[in-house]
């Protein structure tokens, strides 16, 4: 799908769908483009659209390169198809002085947010660089919102670990699943932060001649501010990762304590019934000469002795506060 956006004054306006003129838009957004759409973009603008396989390369040289005057920047951007899921996918930003072209195969919410925001608020959007910077600010803001939401979820998860019902195993099984989900989401957030920071840091690198021709002094300052925000967010993500490890250790510790309590109960029960079992075994022997067999009170005495031998260990465990 091809979406186009034009700059009208200080507002970003969506173009017609399907677009008729691909040379006028300041931002062209390609979402899961078909082969025909890619061919149309390449023919109209004289550029090469990266394939999905090219965008998934992890080498730094495959994520940042310049070709025929176009700067290609690829980063992992988050998308939230629904409130409970988090999706991450590569987005390639094709940066030219006059336009920005983005290619992706998922639907990041920050893109739609930026298009809506820039359509209702005055914002610089007359060049490809200004559109790119505005889009990057939306991406960073969205990452910050997701990270903040995850931090609140981690606090609730910590409370659920230490407030879980004694003796209940089902609730802790659910907690472990939530911890695994939290670790997966935090890993995706950190990966997105790292890749976005990498492409922005490249643009302000003194040796990046391709970026110097595109950026002005104020724009470089804006990029440095975004990079500082990303550093702060990555630090928050690192703290959240440590908290998740603590939650996992705490959950496993609680499970071990509960298992130890169960084993202790079985051990105490076995110890309490060991003396009565011994007494019953003795009087269950089939020897001819056993004085108690002819005693009138032998049976009640044996029962009383077994009961006493069970009560004494139980009372001892209670006195030692082992129960």
C-alpha atoms as a PDB file:
ATOM      1  CA  UNK A   1       0.000   0.000   0.000  1.00  0.00           C
ATOM      2  CA  UNK A   2       1.277   3.457  -0.897  1.00  0.00           C
ATOM      3  CA  UNK A   3       0.406   6.462   1.267  1.00  0.00           C
ATOM      4  CA  UNK A   4       1.570   9.947   0.344  1.00  0.00           C
ATOM      5  CA  UNK A   5       1.715  13.152   2.382  1.00  0.00           C
ATOM      6  CA  UNK A   6       2.178  16.727   1.181  1.00  0.00           C
ATOM      7  CA  UNK A   7       3.281  19.806   3.085  1.00  0.00           C
ATOM      8  CA  UNK A   8       0.729  22.609   3.125  1.00  0.00           C
ATOM      9  CA  UNK A   9       2.141  25.544   5.026  1.00  0.00           C
ATOM     10  CA  UNK A  10       3.175  23.997   8.340  1.00  0.00           C
ATOM     11  CA  UNK A  11       0.691  21.104   8.146  1.00  0.00           C
ATOM     12  CA  UNK A  12       1.080  17.628   6.716  1.00  0.00           C
ATOM     13  CA  UNK A  13      -1.783  16.653   4.422  1.00  0.00           C
ATOM     14  CA  UNK A  14      -2.503  13.117   3.147  1.00  0.00           C
ATOM     15  CA  UNK A  15      -2.509  12.685  -0.614  1.00  0.00           C
ATOM     16  CA  UNK A  16      -4.945  10.794  -2.768  1.00  0.00           C
ATOM     17  CA  UNK A  17      -5.133   7.009  -2.769  1.00  0.00           C
ATOM     18  CA  UNK A  18      -3.843   5.612  -5.035  1.00  0.00           C
ATOM     19  CA  UNK A  19      -1.471   8.497  -5.750  1.00  0.00           C
ATOM     20  CA  UNK A  20      -1.162   9.832  -9.286  1.00  0.00           C
ATOM     21  CA  UNK A  21       2.019  11.889  -8.885  1.00  0.00           C
ATOM     22  CA  UNK A  22       4.843  10.399  -6.808  1.00  0.00           C
ATOM     23  CA  UNK A  23       7.286  13.283  -7.274  1.00  0.00           C
ATOM     24  CA  UNK A  24       5.411  15.896  -5.258  1.00  0.00           C
ATOM     25  CA  UNK A  25       4.861  14.245  -1.812  1.00  0.00           C
ATOM     26  CA  UNK A  26       7.280  15.073   0.971  1.00  0.00           C
ATOM     27  CA  UNK A  27       6.668  11.694   2.611  1.00  0.00           C
ATOM     28  CA  UNK A  28       5.874   8.422   0.844  1.00  0.00           C
ATOM     29  CA  UNK A  29       4.969   5.547   3.140  1.00  0.00           C
ATOM     30  CA  UNK A  30       5.079   2.011   1.722  1.00  0.00           C
ATOM     31  CA  UNK A  31       3.281  -0.538   3.901  1.00  0.00           C
ATOM     32  CA  UNK A  32       3.782  -4.143   2.742  1.00  0.00           C
ATOM     33  CA  UNK A  33       4.245  -2.980  -0.880  1.00  0.00           C
ATOM     34  CA  UNK A  34       3.488  -5.381  -3.687  1.00  0.00           C
ATOM     35  CA  UNK A  35       5.931  -6.024  -6.506  1.00  0.00           C
ATOM     36  CA  UNK A  36       3.879  -3.741  -8.780  1.00  0.00           C
ATOM     37  CA  UNK A  37       3.950  -0.911  -6.217  1.00  0.00           C
ATOM     38  CA  UNK A  38       7.697  -1.266  -5.753  1.00  0.00           C
ATOM     39  CA  UNK A  39       8.207  -1.165  -9.506  1.00  0.00           C
ATOM     40  CA  UNK A  40       6.062   1.954  -9.776  1.00  0.00           C
ATOM     41  CA  UNK A  41       8.068   3.769  -7.080  1.00  0.00           C
ATOM     42  CA  UNK A  42      11.360   2.764  -8.658  1.00  0.00           C
ATOM     43  CA  UNK A  43      10.245   3.879 -12.112  1.00  0.00           C
ATOM     44  CA  UNK A  44       8.833   7.206 -10.931  1.00  0.00           C
ATOM     45  CA  UNK A  45      11.687   8.233  -8.630  1.00  0.00           C
ATOM     46  CA  UNK A  46      14.618   6.348 -10.107  1.00  0.00           C
ATOM     47  CA  UNK A  47      15.455   4.636  -6.819  1.00  0.00           C
ATOM     48  CA  UNK A  48      15.763   1.063  -5.637  1.00  0.00           C
ATOM     49  CA  UNK A  49      13.318  -0.058  -2.945  1.00  0.00           C
ATOM     50  CA  UNK A  50      14.939  -2.541  -0.524  1.00  0.00           C
ATOM     51  CA  UNK A  51      13.385  -5.985  -0.350  1.00  0.00           C
ATOM     52  CA  UNK A  52      12.072  -7.524   2.834  1.00  0.00           C
ATOM     53  CA  UNK A  53      15.128  -9.776   2.991  1.00  0.00           C
ATOM     54  CA  UNK A  54      17.438  -6.762   2.693  1.00  0.00           C
ATOM     55  CA  UNK A  55      15.660  -5.052   5.579  1.00  0.00           C
ATOM     56  CA  UNK A  56      16.089  -8.065   7.874  1.00  0.00           C
ATOM     57  CA  UNK A  57      19.882  -8.124   7.599  1.00  0.00           C
ATOM     58  CA  UNK A  58      21.471  -7.539  11.018  1.00  0.00           C
ATOM     59  CA  UNK A  59      24.936  -6.379   9.957  1.00  0.00           C
ATOM     60  CA  UNK A  60      25.480  -2.635  10.626  1.00  0.00           C
ATOM     61  CA  UNK A  61      26.671  -2.157   7.038  1.00  0.00           C
ATOM     62  CA  UNK A  62      23.374  -3.627   5.808  1.00  0.00           C
ATOM     63  CA  UNK A  63      21.313  -1.234   7.918  1.00  0.00           C
ATOM     64  CA  UNK A  64      23.035   2.047   7.036  1.00  0.00           C
ATOM     65  CA  UNK A  65      24.277   2.786   3.546  1.00  0.00           C
ATOM     66  CA  UNK A  66      24.198   5.408   0.812  1.00  0.00           C
ATOM     67  CA  UNK A  67      23.338   4.727  -2.814  1.00  0.00           C
ATOM     68  CA  UNK A  68      22.809   7.194  -5.651  1.00  0.00           C
ATOM     69  CA  UNK A  69      22.416  10.163  -3.322  1.00  0.00           C
ATOM     70  CA  UNK A  70      19.886   8.417  -1.065  1.00  0.00           C
ATOM     71  CA  UNK A  71      20.661   7.593   2.568  1.00  0.00           C
ATOM     72  CA  UNK A  72      19.193   4.245   3.638  1.00  0.00           C
ATOM     73  CA  UNK A  73      18.589   3.812   7.376  1.00  0.00           C
ATOM     74  CA  UNK A  74      16.988   0.653   8.795  1.00  0.00           C
ATOM     75  CA  UNK A  75      15.750   0.312  12.381  1.00  0.00           C
ATOM     76  CA  UNK A  76      13.518  -2.043  14.326  1.00  0.00           C
ATOM     77  CA  UNK A  77      10.256  -0.222  15.127  1.00  0.00           C
ATOM     78  CA  UNK A  78       7.532  -1.391  17.510  1.00  0.00           C
ATOM     79  CA  UNK A  79       3.887  -1.843  16.636  1.00  0.00           C
ATOM     80  CA  UNK A  80       0.945  -2.715  18.891  1.00  0.00           C
ATOM     81  CA  UNK A  81      -1.680  -4.653  16.897  1.00  0.00           C
ATOM     82  CA  UNK A  82      -3.726  -4.914  20.109  1.00  0.00           C
ATOM     83  CA  UNK A  83      -3.208  -3.839  23.746  1.00  0.00           C
ATOM     84  CA  UNK A  84      -1.878  -7.261  24.795  1.00  0.00           C
ATOM     85  CA  UNK A  85       0.649  -7.858  22.022  1.00  0.00           C
ATOM     86  CA  UNK A  86       3.815  -6.142  20.899  1.00  0.00           C
ATOM     87  CA  UNK A  87       5.249  -6.601  17.416  1.00  0.00           C
ATOM     88  CA  UNK A  88       8.632  -5.528  16.149  1.00  0.00           C
ATOM     89  CA  UNK A  89       9.753  -5.262  12.548  1.00  0.00           C
ATOM     90  CA  UNK A  90      12.323  -3.500  10.355  1.00  0.00           C
ATOM     91  CA  UNK A  91      11.573  -0.113   8.828  1.00  0.00           C
ATOM     92  CA  UNK A  92      13.830   1.388   6.167  1.00  0.00           C
ATOM     93  CA  UNK A  93      13.976   5.174   5.962  1.00  0.00           C
ATOM     94  CA  UNK A  94      15.104   6.375   2.527  1.00  0.00           C
ATOM     95  CA  UNK A  95      16.206   9.933   3.135  1.00  0.00           C
ATOM     96  CA  UNK A  96      16.554  12.563   0.424  1.00  0.00           C
ATOM     97  CA  UNK A  97      16.691  16.351   0.786  1.00  0.00           C
ATOM     98  CA  UNK A  98      13.285  16.760  -0.874  1.00  0.00           C
ATOM     99  CA  UNK A  99      11.434  13.700   0.435  1.00  0.00           C
ATOM    100  CA  UNK A 100      11.291  10.825   2.895  1.00  0.00           C
ATOM    101  CA  UNK A 101      10.330   7.304   1.845  1.00  0.00           C
ATOM    102  CA  UNK A 102       9.571   4.646   4.467  1.00  0.00           C
ATOM    103  CA  UNK A 103       9.208   0.922   3.803  1.00  0.00           C
ATOM    104  CA  UNK A 104       7.781  -1.539   6.343  1.00  0.00           C
ATOM    105  CA  UNK A 105       5.748  -4.737   6.512  1.00  0.00           C
ATOM    106  CA  UNK A 106       3.912  -4.088   9.773  1.00  0.00           C
ATOM    107  CA  UNK A 107       1.939  -1.117  11.052  1.00  0.00           C
ATOM    108  CA  UNK A 108       3.751   1.024  13.658  1.00  0.00           C
ATOM    109  CA  UNK A 109       1.300   3.207  15.579  1.00  0.00           C
ATOM    110  CA  UNK A 110       3.838   6.036  15.737  1.00  0.00           C
ATOM    111  CA  UNK A 111       3.539   6.564  11.977  1.00  0.00           C
ATOM    112  CA  UNK A 112      -0.212   7.096  12.081  1.00  0.00           C
ATOM    113  CA  UNK A 113       0.182   9.267  15.185  1.00  0.00           C
ATOM    114  CA  UNK A 114       2.742  11.504  13.492  1.00  0.00           C
ATOM    115  CA  UNK A 115       0.610  11.865  10.358  1.00  0.00           C
ATOM    116  CA  UNK A 116      -2.407  12.845  12.451  1.00  0.00           C
ATOM    117  CA  UNK A 117      -0.414  15.191  14.713  1.00  0.00           C
ATOM    118  CA  UNK A 118       1.345  16.963  11.855  1.00  0.00           C
ATOM    119  CA  UNK A 119      -2.009  17.366  10.116  1.00  0.00           C
ATOM    120  CA  UNK A 120      -3.524  19.255  13.068  1.00  0.00           C
ATOM    121  CA  UNK A 121      -0.516  21.125  14.491  1.00  0.00           C
ATOM    122  CA  UNK A 122       2.062  23.432  12.983  1.00  0.00           C
ATOM    123  CA  UNK A 123       5.276  21.487  12.516  1.00  0.00           C
ATOM    124  CA  UNK A 124       8.195  21.728  10.054  1.00  0.00           C
ATOM    125  CA  UNK A 125       7.522  19.263   7.243  1.00  0.00           C
ATOM    126  CA  UNK A 126       8.619  20.927   4.021  1.00  0.00           C
ATOM    127  CA  UNK A 127      11.653  18.663   3.383  1.00  0.00           C
ATOM    128  CA  UNK A 128      12.465  15.018   3.735  1.00  0.00           C
ATOM    129  CA  UNK A 129      14.795  15.751   6.652  1.00  0.00           C
ATOM    130  CA  UNK A 130      12.196  17.698   8.653  1.00  0.00           C
ATOM    131  CA  UNK A 131       9.622  14.968   8.017  1.00  0.00           C
ATOM    132  CA  UNK A 132      12.148  12.365   9.157  1.00  0.00           C
ATOM    133  CA  UNK A 133      12.944  14.276  12.355  1.00  0.00           C
ATOM    134  CA  UNK A 134       9.263  14.716  13.181  1.00  0.00           C
ATOM    135  CA  UNK A 135       8.643  11.029  12.568  1.00  0.00           C
ATOM    136  CA  UNK A 136      11.600  10.083  14.782  1.00  0.00           C
ATOM    137  CA  UNK A 137      10.233  12.236  17.598  1.00  0.00           C
ATOM    138  CA  UNK A 138       6.922  10.364  17.318  1.00  0.00           C
ATOM    139  CA  UNK A 139       8.742   7.009  17.374  1.00  0.00           C
ATOM    140  CA  UNK A 140      10.740   7.957  20.479  1.00  0.00           C
ATOM    141  CA  UNK A 141       7.628   9.290  22.242  1.00  0.00           C
ATOM    142  CA  UNK A 142       5.780   6.057  21.460  1.00  0.00           C
ATOM    143  CA  UNK A 143       8.660   3.976  22.812  1.00  0.00           C
ATOM    144  CA  UNK A 144       8.620   6.055  25.990  1.00  0.00           C
ATOM    145  CA  UNK A 145       4.865   5.508  26.415  1.00  0.00           C
ATOM    146  CA  UNK A 146       5.202   1.738  25.943  1.00  0.00           C
ATOM    147  CA  UNK A 147       8.123   1.586  28.377  1.00  0.00           C
ATOM    148  CA  UNK A 148       6.166   3.559  30.975  1.00  0.00           C
ATOM    149  CA  UNK A 149       3.194   1.227  30.608  1.00  0.00           C
ATOM    150  CA  UNK A 150       5.474  -1.788  31.028  1.00  0.00           C
ATOM    151  CA  UNK A 151       6.961  -0.271  34.200  1.00  0.00           C
ATOM    152  CA  UNK A 152       3.491  -0.045  35.757  1.00  0.00           C
ATOM    153  CA  UNK A 153       2.809  -3.657  34.789  1.00  0.00           C
ATOM    154  CA  UNK A 154       6.060  -4.742  36.442  1.00  0.00           C
ATOM    155  CA  UNK A 155       5.027  -3.072  39.699  1.00  0.00           C
ATOM    156  CA  UNK A 156       1.719  -4.942  39.697  1.00  0.00           C
ATOM    157  CA  UNK A 157       3.536  -8.177  38.905  1.00  0.00           C
ATOM    158  CA  UNK A 158       5.904  -7.712  41.849  1.00  0.00           C
ATOM    159  CA  UNK A 159       2.946  -7.254  44.204  1.00  0.00           C
ATOM    160  CA  UNK A 160       1.239 -10.358  42.853  1.00  0.00           C
ATOM    161  CA  UNK A 161       4.363 -12.441  43.571  1.00  0.00           C
ATOM    162  CA  UNK A 162       4.571 -11.551  47.247  1.00  0.00           C
ATOM    163  CA  UNK A 163       0.823 -11.374  47.840  1.00  0.00           C
ATOM    164  CA  UNK A 164      -0.010 -14.723  46.231  1.00  0.00           C
ATOM    165  CA  UNK A 165      -2.071 -17.144  48.291  1.00  0.00           C
ATOM    166  CA  UNK A 166      -0.162 -19.528  50.519  1.00  0.00           C
ATOM    167  CA  UNK A 167      -0.216 -23.046  49.140  1.00  0.00           C
ATOM    168  CA  UNK A 168      -1.578 -22.082  45.747  1.00  0.00           C
ATOM    169  CA  UNK A 169       0.524 -23.209  42.799  1.00  0.00           C
ATOM    170  CA  UNK A 170      -1.742 -22.092  39.979  1.00  0.00           C
ATOM    171  CA  UNK A 171      -1.280 -18.389  40.705  1.00  0.00           C
ATOM    172  CA  UNK A 172       2.521 -18.684  40.591  1.00  0.00           C
ATOM    173  CA  UNK A 173       2.356 -20.637  37.340  1.00  0.00           C
ATOM    174  CA  UNK A 174       0.453 -17.694  35.894  1.00  0.00           C
ATOM    175  CA  UNK A 175       3.039 -15.293  37.329  1.00  0.00           C
ATOM    176  CA  UNK A 176       5.863 -17.163  35.586  1.00  0.00           C
ATOM    177  CA  UNK A 177       4.002 -16.849  32.287  1.00  0.00           C
ATOM    178  CA  UNK A 178       3.593 -13.118  32.891  1.00  0.00           C
ATOM    179  CA  UNK A 179       7.304 -12.791  33.684  1.00  0.00           C
ATOM    180  CA  UNK A 180       8.187 -14.508  30.419  1.00  0.00           C
ATOM    181  CA  UNK A 181       5.869 -12.171  28.562  1.00  0.00           C
ATOM    182  CA  UNK A 182       7.366  -9.130  30.308  1.00  0.00           C
ATOM    183  CA  UNK A 183      10.907 -10.225  29.418  1.00  0.00           C
ATOM    184  CA  UNK A 184       9.925 -10.683  25.779  1.00  0.00           C
ATOM    185  CA  UNK A 185       8.307  -7.253  25.585  1.00  0.00           C
ATOM    186  CA  UNK A 186      11.185  -5.536  27.358  1.00  0.00           C
ATOM    187  CA  UNK A 187      13.659  -7.203  24.999  1.00  0.00           C
ATOM    188  CA  UNK A 188      11.746  -5.917  21.981  1.00  0.00           C
ATOM    189  CA  UNK A 189      11.619  -2.403  23.442  1.00  0.00           C
ATOM    190  CA  UNK A 190      15.362  -2.420  24.132  1.00  0.00           C
ATOM    191  CA  UNK A 191      16.107  -3.717  20.628  1.00  0.00           C
ATOM    192  CA  UNK A 192      14.014  -0.953  19.075  1.00  0.00           C
ATOM    193  CA  UNK A 193      15.681   1.695  21.235  1.00  0.00           C
ATOM    194  CA  UNK A 194      19.142   0.419  20.297  1.00  0.00           C
ATOM    195  CA  UNK A 195      18.525   0.376  16.540  1.00  0.00           C
ATOM    196  CA  UNK A 196      16.866   3.804  16.495  1.00  0.00           C
ATOM    197  CA  UNK A 197      19.729   5.214  18.543  1.00  0.00           C
ATOM    198  CA  UNK A 198      22.216   3.670  16.125  1.00  0.00           C
ATOM    199  CA  UNK A 199      20.800   5.341  13.017  1.00  0.00           C
ATOM    200  CA  UNK A 200      20.407   8.700  14.752  1.00  0.00           C
ATOM    201  CA  UNK A 201      23.937   8.546  16.142  1.00  0.00           C
ATOM    202  CA  UNK A 202      25.223   7.892  12.635  1.00  0.00           C
ATOM    203  CA  UNK A 203      23.624  11.109  11.397  1.00  0.00           C
ATOM    204  CA  UNK A 204      25.539  13.206  13.937  1.00  0.00           C
ATOM    205  CA  UNK A 205      28.836  11.337  13.542  1.00  0.00           C
ATOM    206  CA  UNK A 206      31.533  13.797  12.395  1.00  0.00           C
ATOM    207  CA  UNK A 207      32.763  11.388   9.723  1.00  0.00           C
ATOM    208  CA  UNK A 208      29.340  10.788   8.139  1.00  0.00           C
ATOM    209  CA  UNK A 209      29.679  12.855   4.982  1.00  0.00           C
ATOM    210  CA  UNK A 210      26.336  11.606   3.655  1.00  0.00           C
ATOM    211  CA  UNK A 211      24.538  13.070   6.661  1.00  0.00           C
ATOM    212  CA  UNK A 212      26.358  16.400   6.584  1.00  0.00           C
ATOM    213  CA  UNK A 213      24.832  17.275   3.226  1.00  0.00           C
ATOM    214  CA  UNK A 214      21.322  16.719   4.620  1.00  0.00           C
ATOM    215  CA  UNK A 215      21.406  18.263   8.085  1.00  0.00           C
ATOM    216  CA  UNK A 216      21.614  21.853   9.245  1.00  0.00           C
ATOM    217  CA  UNK A 217      22.903  23.077  12.598  1.00  0.00           C
ATOM    218  CA  UNK A 218      19.522  23.218  14.344  1.00  0.00           C
ATOM    219  CA  UNK A 219      18.585  19.804  12.997  1.00  0.00           C
ATOM    220  CA  UNK A 220      21.773  18.318  14.381  1.00  0.00           C
ATOM    221  CA  UNK A 221      20.905  19.755  17.795  1.00  0.00           C
ATOM    222  CA  UNK A 222      17.452  18.175  17.519  1.00  0.00           C
ATOM    223  CA  UNK A 223      19.040  14.836  16.716  1.00  0.00           C
ATOM    224  CA  UNK A 224      21.388  15.092  19.693  1.00  0.00           C
ATOM    225  CA  UNK A 225      18.401  15.773  21.959  1.00  0.00           C
ATOM    226  CA  UNK A 226      16.640  12.678  20.615  1.00  0.00           C
ATOM    227  CA  UNK A 227      19.771  10.591  21.159  1.00  0.00           C
ATOM    228  CA  UNK A 228      19.949  11.780  24.766  1.00  0.00           C
ATOM    229  CA  UNK A 229      16.323  10.780  25.262  1.00  0.00           C
ATOM    230  CA  UNK A 230      17.080   7.355  23.805  1.00  0.00           C
ATOM    231  CA  UNK A 231      20.010   6.901  26.203  1.00  0.00           C
ATOM    232  CA  UNK A 232      17.711   7.679  29.119  1.00  0.00           C
ATOM    233  CA  UNK A 233      15.074   5.256  27.859  1.00  0.00           C
ATOM    234  CA  UNK A 234      17.635   2.497  27.389  1.00  0.00           C
ATOM    235  CA  UNK A 235      18.740   3.007  30.989  1.00  0.00           C
ATOM    236  CA  UNK A 236      15.109   2.600  32.091  1.00  0.00           C
ATOM    237  CA  UNK A 237      14.841  -0.553  29.961  1.00  0.00           C
ATOM    238  CA  UNK A 238      18.008  -1.899  31.611  1.00  0.00           C
ATOM    239  CA  UNK A 239      16.552  -1.285  35.080  1.00  0.00           C
ATOM    240  CA  UNK A 240      13.336  -3.005  34.016  1.00  0.00           C
ATOM    241  CA  UNK A 241      15.355  -5.982  32.783  1.00  0.00           C
ATOM    242  CA  UNK A 242      17.010  -6.279  36.190  1.00  0.00           C
ATOM    243  CA  UNK A 243      13.608  -6.054  37.860  1.00  0.00           C
ATOM    244  CA  UNK A 244      12.309  -8.880  35.667  1.00  0.00           C
ATOM    245  CA  UNK A 245      15.256 -11.062  36.702  1.00  0.00           C
ATOM    246  CA  UNK A 246      14.510 -10.241  40.339  1.00  0.00           C
ATOM    247  CA  UNK A 247      10.857 -11.174  39.818  1.00  0.00           C
ATOM    248  CA  UNK A 248      11.838 -14.518  38.305  1.00  0.00           C
ATOM    249  CA  UNK A 249      14.262 -15.252  41.162  1.00  0.00           C
ATOM    250  CA  UNK A 250      11.643 -14.236  43.731  1.00  0.00           C
ATOM    251  CA  UNK A 251       8.973 -16.411  42.126  1.00  0.00           C
ATOM    252  CA  UNK A 252      11.260 -19.434  42.018  1.00  0.00           C
ATOM    253  CA  UNK A 253      12.212 -18.742  45.636  1.00  0.00           C
ATOM    254  CA  UNK A 254       8.575 -18.669  46.734  1.00  0.00           C
ATOM    255  CA  UNK A 255       7.937 -21.914  44.853  1.00  0.00           C
ATOM    256  CA  UNK A 256      10.927 -23.545  46.564  1.00  0.00           C
ATOM    257  CA  UNK A 257       9.717 -22.382  49.981  1.00  0.00           C
ATOM    258  CA  UNK A 258       6.267 -23.832  49.359  1.00  0.00           C
ATOM    259  CA  UNK A 259       7.731 -27.108  48.163  1.00  0.00           C
ATOM    260  CA  UNK A 260       9.942 -27.211  51.260  1.00  0.00           C
ATOM    261  CA  UNK A 261       6.876 -26.658  53.458  1.00  0.00           C
ATOM    262  CA  UNK A 262       5.103 -29.559  51.765  1.00  0.00           C
ATOM    263  CA  UNK A 263       8.117 -31.842  52.182  1.00  0.00           C
ATOM    264  CA  UNK A 264       8.385 -30.777  55.825  1.00  0.00           C
ATOM    265  CA  UNK A 265       4.771 -31.753  56.475  1.00  0.00           C
ATOM    266  CA  UNK A 266       5.320 -35.191  54.957  1.00  0.00           C
ATOM    267  CA  UNK A 267       8.503 -35.617  56.978  1.00  0.00           C
ATOM    268  CA  UNK A 268       6.753 -34.702  60.208  1.00  0.00           C
ATOM    269  CA  UNK A 269       3.848 -37.030  59.486  1.00  0.00           C
ATOM    270  CA  UNK A 270       6.256 -39.895  58.757  1.00  0.00           C
ATOM    271  CA  UNK A 271       8.182 -39.186  61.966  1.00  0.00           C
ATOM    272  CA  UNK A 272       5.027 -38.987  64.076  1.00  0.00           C
ATOM    273  CA  UNK A 273       3.682 -42.313  62.852  1.00  0.00           C
ATOM    274  CA  UNK A 274       7.005 -44.131  62.972  1.00  0.00           C
ATOM    275  CA  UNK A 275       6.866 -45.083  66.719  1.00  0.00           C
ATOM    276  CA  UNK A 276       3.236 -46.319  66.550  1.00  0.00           C
ATOM    277  CA  UNK A 277       4.167 -48.359  63.499  1.00  0.00           C
ATOM    278  CA  UNK A 278       7.068 -49.891  65.411  1.00  0.00           C
ATOM    279  CA  UNK A 279       4.834 -50.804  68.347  1.00  0.00           C
ATOM    280  CA  UNK A 280       2.162 -52.256  66.067  1.00  0.00           C
ATOM    281  CA  UNK A 281       4.832 -54.268  64.263  1.00  0.00           C
ATOM    282  CA  UNK A 282       6.103 -55.728  67.526  1.00  0.00           C
ATOM    283  CA  UNK A 283       2.667 -56.832  68.682  1.00  0.00           C
ATOM    284  CA  UNK A 284       1.881 -58.153  65.251  1.00  0.00           C
ATOM    285  CA  UNK A 285       4.608 -60.793  65.580  1.00  0.00           C
ATOM    286  CA  UNK A 286       3.353 -64.367  65.805  1.00  0.00           C
ATOM    287  CA  UNK A 287       5.519 -65.647  68.627  1.00  0.00           C
ATOM    288  CA  UNK A 288       4.080 -68.172  71.121  1.00  0.00           C
ATOM    289  CA  UNK A 289       5.561 -66.666  74.250  1.00  0.00           C
ATOM    290  CA  UNK A 290       4.496 -63.002  74.381  1.00  0.00           C
ATOM    291  CA  UNK A 291       3.350 -62.045  77.933  1.00  0.00           C
ATOM    292  CA  UNK A 292       1.017 -59.263  76.727  1.00  0.00           C
ATOM    293  CA  UNK A 293      -1.053 -61.646  74.596  1.00  0.00           C
ATOM    294  CA  UNK A 294      -2.617 -63.205  77.701  1.00  0.00           C
ATOM    295  CA  UNK A 295      -3.004 -59.881  79.528  1.00  0.00           C
ATOM    296  CA  UNK A 296      -6.589 -58.644  79.759  1.00  0.00           C
ATOM    297  CA  UNK A 297      -5.633 -55.000  79.253  1.00  0.00           C
ATOM    298  CA  UNK A 298      -2.928 -55.708  76.665  1.00  0.00           C
ATOM    299  CA  UNK A 299      -4.891 -54.470  73.651  1.00  0.00           C
ATOM    300  CA  UNK A 300      -5.980 -51.114  75.213  1.00  0.00           C
ATOM    301  CA  UNK A 301      -2.473 -50.658  76.598  1.00  0.00           C
ATOM    302  CA  UNK A 302      -0.934 -51.192  73.143  1.00  0.00           C
ATOM    303  CA  UNK A 303      -3.332 -48.661  71.594  1.00  0.00           C
ATOM    304  CA  UNK A 304      -2.552 -46.158  74.335  1.00  0.00           C
ATOM    305  CA  UNK A 305       1.174 -46.681  73.892  1.00  0.00           C
ATOM    306  CA  UNK A 306       0.879 -46.082  70.127  1.00  0.00           C
ATOM    307  CA  UNK A 307      -1.171 -42.942  70.702  1.00  0.00           C
ATOM    308  CA  UNK A 308       1.309 -41.623  73.257  1.00  0.00           C
ATOM    309  CA  UNK A 309       4.267 -42.352  70.975  1.00  0.00           C
ATOM    310  CA  UNK A 310       2.552 -40.304  68.245  1.00  0.00           C
ATOM    311  CA  UNK A 311       1.606 -37.364  70.486  1.00  0.00           C
ATOM    312  CA  UNK A 312       5.059 -36.939  71.995  1.00  0.00           C
ATOM    313  CA  UNK A 313       6.898 -36.253  68.658  1.00  0.00           C
ATOM    314  CA  UNK A 314       4.070 -33.990  67.493  1.00  0.00           C
ATOM    315  CA  UNK A 315       4.289 -31.976  70.750  1.00  0.00           C
ATOM    316  CA  UNK A 316       8.066 -31.790  70.395  1.00  0.00           C
ATOM    317  CA  UNK A 317       7.774 -30.377  66.853  1.00  0.00           C
ATOM    318  CA  UNK A 318       5.255 -27.813  68.067  1.00  0.00           C
ATOM    319  CA  UNK A 319       7.487 -26.796  70.980  1.00  0.00           C
ATOM    320  CA  UNK A 320      10.457 -26.349  68.604  1.00  0.00           C
ATOM    321  CA  UNK A 321       8.157 -24.288  66.311  1.00  0.00           C
ATOM    322  CA  UNK A 322       8.897 -26.574  63.383  1.00  0.00           C
ATOM    323  CA  UNK A 323       5.162 -26.728  62.615  1.00  0.00           C
END
